[in-house]
Amino acid sequence: MTIISFILIAMFIEAVVSIFKPIWDKTATAITIPEYISMSIGTIIAVISRLNLLNGLVETDSIILLYIFYVMSGIALGRGPSFIYDLWNKFKSASAM
């Protein structure tokens, strides 16, 4: 695994976890019902279609880990283009260092 792959994976995980930050951090903006519905639909679509945004970066034979990647991809899909845009900006700023 290259350092770029490692950085991309770390940023993807951080972005997905930050979506749920309002659950344990009461100062963060709350997740709305439409956002929960959107992420749920995205997760269902990703699991059924086996959409893995980390495909090519992480090779695994673990079914459990693969389904975790599907769920993470579904959450990202449900968050829409702003999630990908934010992730891309984080990657650009990290690669500029």
C-alpha atoms as a PDB file:
ATOM      1  CA  MET A   1       0.000   0.000   0.000  1.00  0.00           C
ATOM      2  CA  THR A   2       1.367   3.369  -0.969  1.00  0.00           C
ATOM      3  CA  ILE A   3       1.351   6.405   1.272  1.00  0.00           C
ATOM      4  CA  ILE A   4      -1.213   8.079  -1.008  1.00  0.00           C
ATOM      5  CA  SER A   5      -3.541   5.085  -0.603  1.00  0.00           C
ATOM      6  CA  PHE A   6      -3.079   5.231   3.147  1.00  0.00           C
ATOM      7  CA  ILE A   7      -3.882   8.958   3.222  1.00  0.00           C
ATOM      8  CA  LEU A   8      -6.969   8.497   1.028  1.00  0.00           C
ATOM      9  CA  ILE A   9      -8.294   5.694   3.225  1.00  0.00           C
ATOM     10  CA  ALA A  10      -7.671   7.702   6.405  1.00  0.00           C
ATOM     11  CA  MET A  11      -9.430  10.768   4.987  1.00  0.00           C
ATOM     12  CA  PHE A  12     -12.376   8.679   3.778  1.00  0.00           C
ATOM     13  CA  ILE A  13     -12.814   7.094   7.211  1.00  0.00           C
ATOM     14  CA  GLU A  14     -12.499  10.469   8.941  1.00  0.00           C
ATOM     15  CA  ALA A  15     -15.110  11.978   6.620  1.00  0.00           C
ATOM     16  CA  VAL A  16     -17.577   9.154   7.243  1.00  0.00           C
ATOM     17  CA  VAL A  17     -17.058   9.322  11.014  1.00  0.00           C
ATOM     18  CA  SER A  18     -17.469  13.114  11.025  1.00  0.00           C
ATOM     19  CA  ILE A  19     -20.930  12.683   9.498  1.00  0.00           C
ATOM     20  CA  PHE A  20     -22.042  11.014  12.736  1.00  0.00           C
ATOM     21  CA  LYS A  21     -20.241  13.469  15.032  1.00  0.00           C
ATOM     22  CA  PRO A  22     -23.527  15.101  16.174  1.00  0.00           C
ATOM     23  CA  ILE A  23     -24.476  11.826  17.878  1.00  0.00           C
ATOM     24  CA  TRP A  24     -21.788  12.234  20.566  1.00  0.00           C
ATOM     25  CA  ASP A  25     -20.902  15.946  20.217  1.00  0.00           C
ATOM     26  CA  LYS A  26     -23.873  18.088  21.198  1.00  0.00           C
ATOM     27  CA  THR A  27     -22.171  21.255  19.882  1.00  0.00           C
ATOM     28  CA  ALA A  28     -22.130  19.913  16.314  1.00  0.00           C
ATOM     29  CA  THR A  29     -25.010  20.531  13.923  1.00  0.00           C
ATOM     30  CA  ALA A  30     -27.634  17.794  14.239  1.00  0.00           C
ATOM     31  CA  ILE A  31     -28.264  15.304  11.454  1.00  0.00           C
ATOM     32  CA  THR A  32     -31.682  15.878   9.937  1.00  0.00           C
ATOM     33  CA  ILE A  33     -34.294  13.247   9.089  1.00  0.00           C
ATOM     34  CA  PRO A  34     -33.775  13.765   5.318  1.00  0.00           C
ATOM     35  CA  GLU A  35     -30.031  13.167   5.804  1.00  0.00           C
ATOM     36  CA  TYR A  36     -30.723   9.908   7.663  1.00  0.00           C
ATOM     37  CA  ILE A  37     -33.108   8.821   4.891  1.00  0.00           C
ATOM     38  CA  SER A  38     -30.595   9.779   2.203  1.00  0.00           C
ATOM     39  CA  MET A  39     -27.758   7.884   3.902  1.00  0.00           C
ATOM     40  CA  SER A  40     -30.018   4.850   4.430  1.00  0.00           C
ATOM     41  CA  ILE A  41     -31.037   4.744   0.779  1.00  0.00           C
ATOM     42  CA  GLY A  42     -27.409   5.227  -0.287  1.00  0.00           C
ATOM     43  CA  THR A  43     -26.324   2.371   1.981  1.00  0.00           C
ATOM     44  CA  ILE A  44     -29.024   0.036   0.661  1.00  0.00           C
ATOM     45  CA  ILE A  45     -28.047   0.838  -2.930  1.00  0.00           C
ATOM     46  CA  ALA A  46     -24.329   0.393  -2.202  1.00  0.00           C
ATOM     47  CA  VAL A  47     -24.790  -2.961  -0.452  1.00  0.00           C
ATOM     48  CA  ILE A  48     -27.137  -4.355  -3.108  1.00  0.00           C
ATOM     49  CA  SER A  49     -24.968  -3.146  -6.000  1.00  0.00           C
ATOM     50  CA  ARG A  50     -21.714  -3.895  -4.120  1.00  0.00           C
ATOM     51  CA  LEU A  51     -20.423  -0.360  -4.555  1.00  0.00           C
ATOM     52  CA  ASN A  52     -17.040   0.015  -2.879  1.00  0.00           C
ATOM     53  CA  LEU A  53     -15.398   3.436  -3.169  1.00  0.00           C
ATOM     54  CA  LEU A  54     -12.224   1.996  -1.671  1.00  0.00           C
ATOM     55  CA  ASN A  55     -11.950  -0.657  -4.378  1.00  0.00           C
ATOM     56  CA  GLY A  56      -8.425  -0.674  -5.744  1.00  0.00           C
ATOM     57  CA  LEU A  57      -7.029   0.950  -2.620  1.00  0.00           C
ATOM     58  CA  VAL A  58      -7.738  -1.927  -0.245  1.00  0.00           C
ATOM     59  CA  GLU A  59      -7.636  -5.565  -1.266  1.00  0.00           C
ATOM     60  CA  THR A  60      -9.345  -7.908   1.161  1.00  0.00           C
ATOM     61  CA  ASP A  61     -10.732 -11.414   1.355  1.00  0.00           C
ATOM     62  CA  SER A  62     -12.728 -10.585   4.482  1.00  0.00           C
ATOM     63  CA  ILE A  63     -16.461 -10.509   3.796  1.00  0.00           C
ATOM     64  CA  ILE A  64     -17.076  -8.476   6.954  1.00  0.00           C
ATOM     65  CA  LEU A  65     -14.566  -5.798   5.956  1.00  0.00           C
ATOM     66  CA  LEU A  66     -15.959  -5.734   2.433  1.00  0.00           C
ATOM     67  CA  TYR A  67     -19.471  -5.065   3.753  1.00  0.00           C
ATOM     68  CA  ILE A  68     -18.094  -2.333   6.022  1.00  0.00           C
ATOM     69  CA  PHE A  69     -16.661  -0.711   2.877  1.00  0.00           C
ATOM     70  CA  TYR A  70     -20.063  -1.066   1.163  1.00  0.00           C
ATOM     71  CA  VAL A  71     -21.784   0.640   4.096  1.00  0.00           C
ATOM     72  CA  MET A  72     -19.174   3.430   4.202  1.00  0.00           C
ATOM     73  CA  SER A  73     -19.576   3.905   0.452  1.00  0.00           C
ATOM     74  CA  GLY A  74     -23.350   4.013   0.874  1.00  0.00           C
ATOM     75  CA  ILE A  75     -23.087   6.681   3.545  1.00  0.00           C
ATOM     76  CA  ALA A  76     -20.870   8.710   1.222  1.00  0.00           C
ATOM     77  CA  LEU A  77     -23.311   8.142  -1.628  1.00  0.00           C
ATOM     78  CA  GLY A  78     -26.188   9.269   0.555  1.00  0.00           C
ATOM     79  CA  ARG A  79     -24.385  12.444   1.555  1.00  0.00           C
ATOM     80  CA  GLY A  80     -24.192  13.405  -2.106  1.00  0.00           C
ATOM     81  CA  PRO A  81     -21.717  15.473  -4.089  1.00  0.00           C
ATOM     82  CA  SER A  82     -20.769  17.705  -1.161  1.00  0.00           C
ATOM     83  CA  PHE A  83     -19.179  14.712   0.591  1.00  0.00           C
ATOM     84  CA  ILE A  84     -17.024  13.913  -2.455  1.00  0.00           C
ATOM     85  CA  TYR A  85     -16.183  17.601  -2.892  1.00  0.00           C
ATOM     86  CA  ASP A  86     -15.116  17.932   0.756  1.00  0.00           C
ATOM     87  CA  LEU A  87     -13.092  14.711   0.542  1.00  0.00           C
ATOM     88  CA  TRP A  88     -11.381  15.923  -2.647  1.00  0.00           C
ATOM     89  CA  ASN A  89     -10.494  19.268  -1.046  1.00  0.00           C
ATOM     90  CA  LYS A  90      -8.993  17.448   1.958  1.00  0.00           C
ATOM     91  CA  PHE A  91      -6.948  15.293  -0.404  1.00  0.00           C
ATOM     92  CA  LYS A  92      -5.716  18.317  -2.366  1.00  0.00           C
ATOM     93  CA  SER A  93      -4.685  20.157   0.786  1.00  0.00           C
ATOM     94  CA  ALA A  94      -2.929  17.048   2.160  1.00  0.00           C
ATOM     95  CA  SER A  95      -1.058  16.428  -1.092  1.00  0.00           C
ATOM     96  CA  ALA A  96       0.095  20.064  -1.181  1.00  0.00           C
ATOM     97  CA  MET A  97       1.998  19.560   2.093  1.00  0.00           C
END
